[in-house]
Structures are given as structure tokens and as C-alpha cells.
């Protein structure tokens, strides 16, 4: 997996969970999805900084 692809996948997952957090009506599920999105955003940022070694 190349650096570009890995970062793209993590970003796509973050976008997916952000979308799910907006669409759900359940407050606990909203928080869970927002947490997942934040985790994937952090992973994408870290991989971009590190050059995904």
C-alpha cells in the first residue's frame, strides 16, 4: 500500500463516520461516530507526517 493510498483510505473512513454522525439521531451513537472520525483523521495526519514508513 502506498503512502497516498493509505492516507486516502483513512481520510475516506473519517468522512464516512462524520457523515454517519450527522445522520443519526441517537446522541450516544453520534458521539461514537464522531470519535471514530477523529481517530481516523489523526491516523491520516500522522501517516502524512511520517511518510507512512
Protein backbone atom coordinates (compact mmCIF):
# COMPACT_ATOMS: atom_id res chain seq x y z
CA UNK A 1 0.00 0.00 0.00
CA UNK A 2 1.47 3.36 -0.95
CA UNK A 3 1.51 6.40 1.30
CA UNK A 4 -1.06 8.18 -0.84
CA UNK A 5 -3.48 5.28 -0.79
CA UNK A 6 -3.16 4.72 2.96
CA UNK A 7 -3.83 8.39 3.74
CA UNK A 8 -6.73 8.43 1.29
CA UNK A 9 -8.31 5.39 2.92
CA UNK A 10 -8.04 6.88 6.41
CA UNK A 11 -9.48 10.18 5.16
CA UNK A 12 -12.35 8.38 3.45
CA UNK A 13 -13.13 6.50 6.66
CA UNK A 14 -13.12 9.77 8.60
CA UNK A 15 -15.54 11.30 6.11
CA UNK A 16 -17.78 8.22 6.33
CA UNK A 17 -18.02 8.43 10.11
CA UNK A 18 -18.53 12.21 10.06
CA UNK A 19 -21.43 11.67 7.68
CA UNK A 20 -22.90 8.95 9.88
CA UNK A 21 -22.58 11.20 12.94
CA UNK A 22 -24.58 13.90 11.15
CA UNK A 23 -27.29 11.49 10.01
CA UNK A 24 -28.00 9.55 13.18
CA UNK A 25 -30.50 10.76 15.77
CA UNK A 26 -29.03 8.81 18.67
CA UNK A 27 -26.82 11.03 20.84
CA UNK A 28 -24.57 8.19 22.07
CA UNK A 29 -24.11 6.87 18.55
CA UNK A 30 -23.36 10.42 17.34
CA UNK A 31 -20.56 10.65 19.90
CA UNK A 32 -19.22 7.23 18.94
CA UNK A 33 -19.13 8.06 15.24
CA UNK A 34 -17.52 11.44 15.92
CA UNK A 35 -14.85 9.68 17.96
CA UNK A 36 -14.17 7.22 15.15
CA UNK A 37 -13.89 10.09 12.67
CA UNK A 38 -11.43 11.91 14.92
CA UNK A 39 -9.34 8.75 15.30
CA UNK A 40 -9.12 8.27 11.52
CA UNK A 41 -8.28 11.96 10.97
CA UNK A 42 -5.42 11.65 13.47
CA UNK A 43 -4.15 8.48 11.80
CA UNK A 44 -4.22 10.13 8.37
CA UNK A 45 -2.39 13.20 9.66
CA UNK A 46 0.23 11.05 11.42
CA UNK A 47 0.78 8.91 8.31
CA UNK A 48 1.16 12.02 6.16
CA UNK A 49 3.73 13.47 8.60
CA UNK A 50 5.69 10.24 8.96
CA UNK A 51 5.69 9.43 5.29
CA UNK A 52 3.95 6.15 6.19
CA UNK A 53 7.08 4.12 6.77
